[in-house]
Amino acid sequence: QIPFFSGMEDIIYRGDLYGGGITYGYHWVLGDRFSIETVIGGGYARMEYDKYRCTGCGERMGHYKRNYFGPTRAGVSLIYFIR
């Protein structure tokens, strides 16, 4: 019941999500107080879930299994050191 995604207000998903992956990051010092850090990661996720029409009625619409292999995270951080 996540209202900010279209079509998910009336549908419930219940199940398991598990996986693993690898992340690589690097840190660059820009000066005495500033630096930048970048991160990228990839991995595998396995999802097994049931889809229900509504919370009150509990009408099951189906059982699903999904596999995902690919990028899982990316980020850039600007760091300021407080002394």
PDB file of N, CA and C in Angstrom:
ATOM      1  N   GLN A   1       0.826  -1.189   0.000  1.00  0.00           N
ATOM      2  CA  GLN A   1       0.000   0.000   0.000  1.00  0.00           C
ATOM      3  C   GLN A   1       0.865   1.244   0.000  1.00  0.00           C
ATOM      4  N   ILE A   2       1.593   1.466  -1.072  1.00  0.00           N
ATOM      5  CA  ILE A   2       2.453   2.632  -1.199  1.00  0.00           C
ATOM      6  C   ILE A   2       1.732   3.633  -2.091  1.00  0.00           C
ATOM      7  N   PRO A   3       1.221   4.732  -1.544  1.00  0.00           N
ATOM      8  CA  PRO A   3       0.375   5.626  -2.337  1.00  0.00           C
ATOM      9  C   PRO A   3       1.105   6.434  -3.401  1.00  0.00           C
ATOM     10  N   PHE A   4       2.412   6.550  -3.354  1.00  0.00           N
ATOM     11  CA  PHE A   4       3.094   7.374  -4.342  1.00  0.00           C
ATOM     12  C   PHE A   4       3.478   6.611  -5.601  1.00  0.00           C
ATOM     13  N   PHE A   5       3.180   5.325  -5.699  1.00  0.00           N
ATOM     14  CA  PHE A   5       3.345   4.567  -6.932  1.00  0.00           C
ATOM     15  C   PHE A   5       1.964   4.282  -7.512  1.00  0.00           C
ATOM     16  N   SER A   6       1.765   4.616  -8.762  1.00  0.00           N
ATOM     17  CA  SER A   6       0.473   4.432  -9.407  1.00  0.00           C
ATOM     18  C   SER A   6       0.088   2.947  -9.455  1.00  0.00           C
ATOM     19  N   GLY A   7      -1.139   2.647  -9.067  1.00  0.00           N
ATOM     20  CA  GLY A   7      -1.635   1.285  -9.119  1.00  0.00           C
ATOM     21  C   GLY A   7      -1.288   0.416  -7.935  1.00  0.00           C
ATOM     22  N   MET A   8      -0.540   0.919  -6.949  1.00  0.00           N
ATOM     23  CA  MET A   8      -0.154   0.094  -5.802  1.00  0.00           C
ATOM     24  C   MET A   8      -0.986   0.382  -4.556  1.00  0.00           C
ATOM     25  N   GLU A   9      -1.971   1.277  -4.654  1.00  0.00           N
ATOM     26  CA  GLU A   9      -2.780   1.583  -3.481  1.00  0.00           C
ATOM     27  C   GLU A   9      -3.740   0.447  -3.129  1.00  0.00           C
ATOM     28  N   ASP A  10      -4.202  -0.295  -4.137  1.00  0.00           N
ATOM     29  CA  ASP A  10      -5.190  -1.351  -3.925  1.00  0.00           C
ATOM     30  C   ASP A  10      -4.613  -2.752  -4.031  1.00  0.00           C
ATOM     31  N   ILE A  11      -3.329  -2.881  -4.240  1.00  0.00           N
ATOM     32  CA  ILE A  11      -2.696  -4.189  -4.390  1.00  0.00           C
ATOM     33  C   ILE A  11      -1.642  -4.376  -3.302  1.00  0.00           C
ATOM     34  N   ILE A  12      -1.619  -5.544  -2.693  1.00  0.00           N
ATOM     35  CA  ILE A  12      -0.674  -5.875  -1.631  1.00  0.00           C
ATOM     36  C   ILE A  12       0.287  -6.943  -2.159  1.00  0.00           C
ATOM     37  N   TYR A  13       1.583  -6.772  -1.870  1.00  0.00           N
ATOM     38  CA  TYR A  13       2.600  -7.754  -2.222  1.00  0.00           C
ATOM     39  C   TYR A  13       3.189  -8.312  -0.934  1.00  0.00           C
ATOM     40  N   ARG A  14       3.191  -9.644  -0.783  1.00  0.00           N
ATOM     41  CA  ARG A  14       3.767 -10.283   0.397  1.00  0.00           C
ATOM     42  C   ARG A  14       4.691 -11.391  -0.064  1.00  0.00           C
ATOM     43  N   GLY A  15       5.916 -11.400   0.490  1.00  0.00           N
ATOM     44  CA  GLY A  15       6.840 -12.449   0.101  1.00  0.00           C
ATOM     45  C   GLY A  15       8.240 -12.201   0.614  1.00  0.00           C
ATOM     46  N   ASP A  16       9.206 -12.792  -0.071  1.00  0.00           N
ATOM     47  CA  ASP A  16      10.606 -12.732   0.344  1.00  0.00           C
ATOM     48  C   ASP A  16      11.459 -12.111  -0.754  1.00  0.00           C
ATOM     49  N   LEU A  17      12.492 -11.402  -0.315  1.00  0.00           N
ATOM     50  CA  LEU A  17      13.488 -10.829  -1.202  1.00  0.00           C
ATOM     51  C   LEU A  17      14.844 -11.080  -0.566  1.00  0.00           C
ATOM     52  N   TYR A  18      15.741 -11.720  -1.307  1.00  0.00           N
ATOM     53  CA  TYR A  18      17.085 -11.945  -0.797  1.00  0.00           C
ATOM     54  C   TYR A  18      18.072 -11.903  -1.952  1.00  0.00           C
ATOM     55  N   GLY A  19      19.312 -11.621  -1.607  1.00  0.00           N
ATOM     56  CA  GLY A  19      20.336 -11.529  -2.640  1.00  0.00           C
ATOM     57  C   GLY A  19      21.673 -11.132  -2.055  1.00  0.00           C
ATOM     58  N   GLY A  20      22.599 -10.796  -2.926  1.00  0.00           N
ATOM     59  CA  GLY A  20      23.930 -10.390  -2.503  1.00  0.00           C
ATOM     60  C   GLY A  20      24.638  -9.710  -3.666  1.00  0.00           C
ATOM     61  N   GLY A  21      25.752  -9.082  -3.335  1.00  0.00           N
ATOM     62  CA  GLY A  21      26.469  -8.397  -4.396  1.00  0.00           C
ATOM     63  C   GLY A  21      27.812  -7.869  -3.952  1.00  0.00           C
ATOM     64  N   ILE A  22      28.424  -7.112  -4.842  1.00  0.00           N
ATOM     65  CA  ILE A  22      29.745  -6.524  -4.606  1.00  0.00           C
ATOM     66  C   ILE A  22      29.665  -5.030  -4.875  1.00  0.00           C
ATOM     67  N   THR A  23      30.327  -4.253  -4.026  1.00  0.00           N
ATOM     68  CA  THR A  23      30.379  -2.808  -4.181  1.00  0.00           C
ATOM     69  C   THR A  23      31.836  -2.364  -4.219  1.00  0.00           C
ATOM     70  N   TYR A  24      32.128  -1.415  -5.102  1.00  0.00           N
ATOM     71  CA  TYR A  24      33.466  -0.844  -5.199  1.00  0.00           C
ATOM     72  C   TYR A  24      33.345   0.663  -5.034  1.00  0.00           C
ATOM     73  N   GLY A  25      34.261   1.228  -4.256  1.00  0.00           N
ATOM     74  CA  GLY A  25      34.258   2.672  -4.055  1.00  0.00           C
ATOM     75  C   GLY A  25      35.660   3.240  -4.073  1.00  0.00           C
ATOM     76  N   TYR A  26      35.728   4.545  -4.331  1.00  0.00           N
ATOM     77  CA  TYR A  26      37.015   5.232  -4.340  1.00  0.00           C
ATOM     78  C   TYR A  26      36.841   6.607  -3.725  1.00  0.00           C
ATOM     79  N   HIS A  27      37.903   7.075  -3.066  1.00  0.00           N
ATOM     80  CA  HIS A  27      37.885   8.335  -2.320  1.00  0.00           C
ATOM     81  C   HIS A  27      38.992   9.242  -2.849  1.00  0.00           C
ATOM     82  N   TRP A  28      38.632  10.473  -3.243  1.00  0.00           N
ATOM     83  CA  TRP A  28      39.614  11.457  -3.697  1.00  0.00           C
ATOM     84  C   TRP A  28      39.660  12.621  -2.712  1.00  0.00           C
ATOM     85  N   VAL A  29      40.851  12.995  -2.264  1.00  0.00           N
ATOM     86  CA  VAL A  29      41.037  14.148  -1.389  1.00  0.00           C
ATOM     87  C   VAL A  29      41.191  15.383  -2.274  1.00  0.00           C
ATOM     88  N   LEU A  30      40.334  16.390  -2.069  1.00  0.00           N
ATOM     89  CA  LEU A  30      40.366  17.615  -2.871  1.00  0.00           C
ATOM     90  C   LEU A  30      41.130  18.745  -2.205  1.00  0.00           C
ATOM     91  N   GLY A  31      41.275  18.664  -0.917  1.00  0.00           N
ATOM     92  CA  GLY A  31      41.967  19.718  -0.188  1.00  0.00           C
ATOM     93  C   GLY A  31      42.010  19.377   1.279  1.00  0.00           C
ATOM     94  N   ASP A  32      42.226  20.406   2.101  1.00  0.00           N
ATOM     95  CA  ASP A  32      42.341  20.203   3.546  1.00  0.00           C
ATOM     96  C   ASP A  32      41.017  19.750   4.177  1.00  0.00           C
ATOM     97  N   ARG A  33      39.889  20.222   3.666  1.00  0.00           N
ATOM     98  CA  ARG A  33      38.595  19.910   4.273  1.00  0.00           C
ATOM     99  C   ARG A  33      37.602  19.192   3.352  1.00  0.00           C
ATOM    100  N   PHE A  34      37.843  19.138   2.070  1.00  0.00           N
ATOM    101  CA  PHE A  34      36.882  18.545   1.134  1.00  0.00           C
ATOM    102  C   PHE A  34      37.438  17.295   0.468  1.00  0.00           C
ATOM    103  N   SER A  35      36.522  16.386   0.157  1.00  0.00           N
ATOM    104  CA  SER A  35      36.870  15.205  -0.626  1.00  0.00           C
ATOM    105  C   SER A  35      35.610  14.684  -1.306  1.00  0.00           C
ATOM    106  N   ILE A  36      35.802  13.806  -2.274  1.00  0.00           N
ATOM    107  CA  ILE A  36      34.693  13.189  -3.003  1.00  0.00           C
ATOM    108  C   ILE A  36      34.863  11.673  -2.929  1.00  0.00           C
ATOM    109  N   GLU A  37      33.731  10.991  -2.801  1.00  0.00           N
ATOM    110  CA  GLU A  37      33.727   9.538  -2.758  1.00  0.00           C
ATOM    111  C   GLU A  37      32.693   9.034  -3.764  1.00  0.00           C
ATOM    112  N   THR A  38      33.055   8.040  -4.567  1.00  0.00           N
ATOM    113  CA  THR A  38      32.120   7.424  -5.514  1.00  0.00           C
ATOM    114  C   THR A  38      31.969   5.942  -5.185  1.00  0.00           C
ATOM    115  N   VAL A  39      30.786   5.420  -5.470  1.00  0.00           N
ATOM    116  CA  VAL A  39      30.467   4.026  -5.175  1.00  0.00           C
ATOM    117  C   VAL A  39      29.633   3.461  -6.316  1.00  0.00           C
ATOM    118  N   ILE A  40      29.918   2.227  -6.718  1.00  0.00           N
ATOM    119  CA  ILE A  40      29.094   1.508  -7.683  1.00  0.00           C
ATOM    120  C   ILE A  40      29.038   0.043  -7.252  1.00  0.00           C
ATOM    121  N   GLY A  41      27.878  -0.559  -7.430  1.00  0.00           N
ATOM    122  CA  GLY A  41      27.725  -1.945  -7.004  1.00  0.00           C
ATOM    123  C   GLY A  41      26.794  -2.714  -7.900  1.00  0.00           C
ATOM    124  N   GLY A  42      26.948  -4.003  -7.890  1.00  0.00           N
ATOM    125  CA  GLY A  42      26.094  -4.887  -8.664  1.00  0.00           C
ATOM    126  C   GLY A  42      25.864  -6.172  -7.906  1.00  0.00           C
ATOM    127  N   GLY A  43      24.824  -6.881  -8.295  1.00  0.00           N
ATOM    128  CA  GLY A  43      24.560  -8.123  -7.587  1.00  0.00           C
ATOM    129  C   GLY A  43      23.369  -8.865  -8.130  1.00  0.00           C
ATOM    130  N   TYR A  44      22.873  -9.764  -7.292  1.00  0.00           N
ATOM    131  CA  TYR A  44      21.781 -10.671  -7.633  1.00  0.00           C
ATOM    132  C   TYR A  44      20.694 -10.545  -6.589  1.00  0.00           C
ATOM    133  N   ALA A  45      19.439 -10.550  -7.020  1.00  0.00           N
ATOM    134  CA  ALA A  45      18.297 -10.533  -6.100  1.00  0.00           C
ATOM    135  C   ALA A  45      17.284 -11.582  -6.551  1.00  0.00           C
ATOM    136  N   ARG A  46      16.718 -12.296  -5.598  1.00  0.00           N
ATOM    137  CA  ARG A  46      15.684 -13.309  -5.846  1.00  0.00           C
ATOM    138  C   ARG A  46      14.430 -12.883  -5.095  1.00  0.00           C
ATOM    139  N   MET A  47      13.309 -12.795  -5.809  1.00  0.00           N
ATOM    140  CA  MET A  47      12.044 -12.390  -5.202  1.00  0.00           C
ATOM    141  C   MET A  47      11.006 -13.486  -5.418  1.00  0.00           C
ATOM    142  N   GLU A  48      10.328 -13.852  -4.354  1.00  0.00           N
ATOM    143  CA  GLU A  48       9.192 -14.769  -4.414  1.00  0.00           C
ATOM    144  C   GLU A  48       8.071 -14.115  -3.619  1.00  0.00           C
ATOM    145  N   TYR A  49       6.936 -13.854  -4.278  1.00  0.00           N
ATOM    146  CA  TYR A  49       5.885 -13.112  -3.599  1.00  0.00           C
ATOM    147  C   TYR A  49       4.512 -13.493  -4.124  1.00  0.00           C
ATOM    148  N   ASP A  50       3.506 -13.201  -3.298  1.00  0.00           N
ATOM    149  CA  ASP A  50       2.105 -13.349  -3.661  1.00  0.00           C
ATOM    150  C   ASP A  50       1.516 -11.965  -3.847  1.00  0.00           C
ATOM    151  N   LYS A  51       0.597 -11.843  -4.792  1.00  0.00           N
ATOM    152  CA  LYS A  51      -0.053 -10.578  -5.083  1.00  0.00           C
ATOM    153  C   LYS A  51      -1.519 -10.695  -4.674  1.00  0.00           C
ATOM    154  N   TYR A  52      -1.979  -9.735  -3.836  1.00  0.00           N
ATOM    155  CA  TYR A  52      -3.349  -9.740  -3.335  1.00  0.00           C
ATOM    156  C   TYR A  52      -4.080  -8.491  -3.814  1.00  0.00           C
ATOM    157  N   ARG A  53      -5.381  -8.644  -4.093  1.00  0.00           N
ATOM    158  CA  ARG A  53      -6.176  -7.550  -4.625  1.00  0.00           C
ATOM    159  C   ARG A  53      -6.414  -6.437  -3.599  1.00  0.00           C
ATOM    160  N   CYS A  54      -6.666  -6.750  -2.350  1.00  0.00           N
ATOM    161  CA  CYS A  54      -6.901  -5.723  -1.328  1.00  0.00           C
ATOM    162  C   CYS A  54      -6.546  -6.281   0.043  1.00  0.00           C
ATOM    163  N   THR A  55      -6.417  -5.381   1.033  1.00  0.00           N
ATOM    164  CA  THR A  55      -6.033  -5.816   2.379  1.00  0.00           C
ATOM    165  C   THR A  55      -7.171  -6.518   3.094  1.00  0.00           C
ATOM    166  N   GLY A  56      -8.402  -6.064   2.907  1.00  0.00           N
ATOM    167  CA  GLY A  56      -9.540  -6.622   3.634  1.00  0.00           C
ATOM    168  C   GLY A  56     -10.028  -7.951   3.099  1.00  0.00           C
ATOM    169  N   CYS A  57     -10.107  -8.078   1.773  1.00  0.00           N
ATOM    170  CA  CYS A  57     -10.697  -9.294   1.206  1.00  0.00           C
ATOM    171  C   CYS A  57      -9.694 -10.440   1.109  1.00  0.00           C
ATOM    172  N   GLY A  58      -8.419 -10.160   0.928  1.00  0.00           N
ATOM    173  CA  GLY A  58      -7.394 -11.191   0.872  1.00  0.00           C
ATOM    174  C   GLY A  58      -7.456 -12.065  -0.356  1.00  0.00           C
ATOM    175  N   GLU A  59      -8.040 -11.592  -1.443  1.00  0.00           N
ATOM    176  CA  GLU A  59      -8.134 -12.366  -2.677  1.00  0.00           C
ATOM    177  C   GLU A  59      -6.770 -12.433  -3.361  1.00  0.00           C
ATOM    178  N   ARG A  60      -6.213 -13.631  -3.429  1.00  0.00           N
ATOM    179  CA  ARG A  60      -4.890 -13.816  -4.038  1.00  0.00           C
ATOM    180  C   ARG A  60      -4.994 -13.815  -5.560  1.00  0.00           C
ATOM    181  N   MET A  61      -4.176 -12.982  -6.193  1.00  0.00           N
ATOM    182  CA  MET A  61      -4.196 -12.854  -7.647  1.00  0.00           C
ATOM    183  C   MET A  61      -3.162 -13.758  -8.315  1.00  0.00           C
ATOM    184  N   GLY A  62      -2.138 -14.180  -7.554  1.00  0.00           N
ATOM    185  CA  GLY A  62      -1.141 -15.053  -8.144  1.00  0.00           C
ATOM    186  C   GLY A  62       0.123 -15.137  -7.309  1.00  0.00           C
ATOM    187  N   HIS A  63       0.962 -16.111  -7.654  1.00  0.00           N
ATOM    188  CA  HIS A  63       2.257 -16.301  -7.009  1.00  0.00           C
ATOM    189  C   HIS A  63       3.332 -16.066  -8.072  1.00  0.00           C
ATOM    190  N   TYR A  64       4.349 -15.261  -7.731  1.00  0.00           N
ATOM    191  CA  TYR A  64       5.346 -14.861  -8.718  1.00  0.00           C
ATOM    192  C   TYR A  64       6.757 -15.131  -8.200  1.00  0.00           C
ATOM    193  N   LYS A  65       7.662 -15.397  -9.129  1.00  0.00           N
ATOM    194  CA  LYS A  65       9.087 -15.563  -8.828  1.00  0.00           C
ATOM    195  C   LYS A  65       9.860 -14.724  -9.829  1.00  0.00           C
ATOM    196  N   ARG A  66      10.810 -13.949  -9.343  1.00  0.00           N
ATOM    197  CA  ARG A  66      11.613 -13.093 -10.215  1.00  0.00           C
ATOM    198  C   ARG A  66      13.072 -13.174  -9.803  1.00  0.00           C
ATOM    199  N   ASN A  67      13.958 -13.107 -10.798  1.00  0.00           N
ATOM    200  CA  ASN A  67      15.393 -13.039 -10.577  1.00  0.00           C
ATOM    201  C   ASN A  67      15.907 -11.750 -11.201  1.00  0.00           C
ATOM    202  N   TYR A  68      16.845 -11.103 -10.519  1.00  0.00           N
ATOM    203  CA  TYR A  68      17.448  -9.884 -11.048  1.00  0.00           C
ATOM    204  C   TYR A  68      18.955  -9.970 -10.881  1.00  0.00           C
ATOM    205  N   PHE A  69      19.678  -9.666 -11.950  1.00  0.00           N
ATOM    206  CA  PHE A  69      21.126  -9.590 -11.903  1.00  0.00           C
ATOM    207  C   PHE A  69      21.523  -8.323 -12.647  1.00  0.00           C
ATOM    208  N   GLY A  70      22.220  -7.415 -11.939  1.00  0.00           N
ATOM    209  CA  GLY A  70      22.613  -6.158 -12.566  1.00  0.00           C
ATOM    210  C   GLY A  70      23.037  -5.131 -11.533  1.00  0.00           C
ATOM    211  N   PRO A  71      23.034  -3.855 -11.906  1.00  0.00           N
ATOM    212  CA  PRO A  71      23.443  -2.804 -10.971  1.00  0.00           C
ATOM    213  C   PRO A  71      22.448  -2.675  -9.818  1.00  0.00           C
ATOM    214  N   THR A  72      22.972  -2.487  -8.618  1.00  0.00           N
ATOM    215  CA  THR A  72      22.122  -2.355  -7.436  1.00  0.00           C
ATOM    216  C   THR A  72      22.323  -1.041  -6.695  1.00  0.00           C
ATOM    217  N   ARG A  73      23.432  -0.362  -6.944  1.00  0.00           N
ATOM    218  CA  ARG A  73      23.647   0.923  -6.269  1.00  0.00           C
ATOM    219  C   ARG A  73      24.686   1.742  -7.012  1.00  0.00           C
ATOM    220  N   ALA A  74      24.565   3.056  -6.882  1.00  0.00           N
ATOM    221  CA  ALA A  74      25.539   4.000  -7.423  1.00  0.00           C
ATOM    222  C   ALA A  74      25.421   5.274  -6.609  1.00  0.00           C
ATOM    223  N   GLY A  75      26.539   5.910  -6.354  1.00  0.00           N
ATOM    224  CA  GLY A  75      26.471   7.126  -5.570  1.00  0.00           C
ATOM    225  C   GLY A  75      27.730   7.958  -5.645  1.00  0.00           C
ATOM    226  N   VAL A  76      27.542   9.251  -5.398  1.00  0.00           N
ATOM    227  CA  VAL A  76      28.639  10.206  -5.302  1.00  0.00           C
ATOM    228  C   VAL A  76      28.398  11.023  -4.042  1.00  0.00           C
ATOM    229  N   SER A  77      29.418  11.150  -3.209  1.00  0.00           N
ATOM    230  CA  SER A  77      29.309  11.906  -1.961  1.00  0.00           C
ATOM    231  C   SER A  77      30.353  13.001  -1.916  1.00  0.00           C
ATOM    232  N   LEU A  78      29.911  14.189  -1.550  1.00  0.00           N
ATOM    233  CA  LEU A  78      30.818  15.286  -1.268  1.00  0.00           C
ATOM    234  C   LEU A  78      31.016  15.326   0.243  1.00  0.00           C
ATOM    235  N   ILE A  79      32.248  15.277   0.691  1.00  0.00           N
ATOM    236  CA  ILE A  79      32.559  15.164   2.115  1.00  0.00           C
ATOM    237  C   ILE A  79      33.249  16.426   2.584  1.00  0.00           C
ATOM    238  N   TYR A  80      32.783  16.948   3.725  1.00  0.00           N
ATOM    239  CA  TYR A  80      33.391  18.104   4.387  1.00  0.00           C
ATOM    240  C   TYR A  80      33.834  17.667   5.778  1.00  0.00           C
ATOM    241  N   PHE A  81      35.116  17.825   6.073  1.00  0.00           N
ATOM    242  CA  PHE A  81      35.653  17.424   7.370  1.00  0.00           C
ATOM    243  C   PHE A  81      35.492  18.558   8.385  1.00  0.00           C
ATOM    244  N   ILE A  82      34.858  18.258   9.504  1.00  0.00           N
ATOM    245  CA  ILE A  82      34.689  19.218  10.606  1.00  0.00           C
ATOM    246  C   ILE A  82      35.805  18.957  11.620  1.00  0.00           C
ATOM    247  N   ARG A  83      36.538  20.015  11.951  1.00  0.00           N
ATOM    248  CA  ARG A  83      37.635  19.850  12.915  1.00  0.00           C
ATOM    249  C   ARG A  83      37.386  20.673  14.147  1.00  0.00           C
TER     250      ARG A  83
END
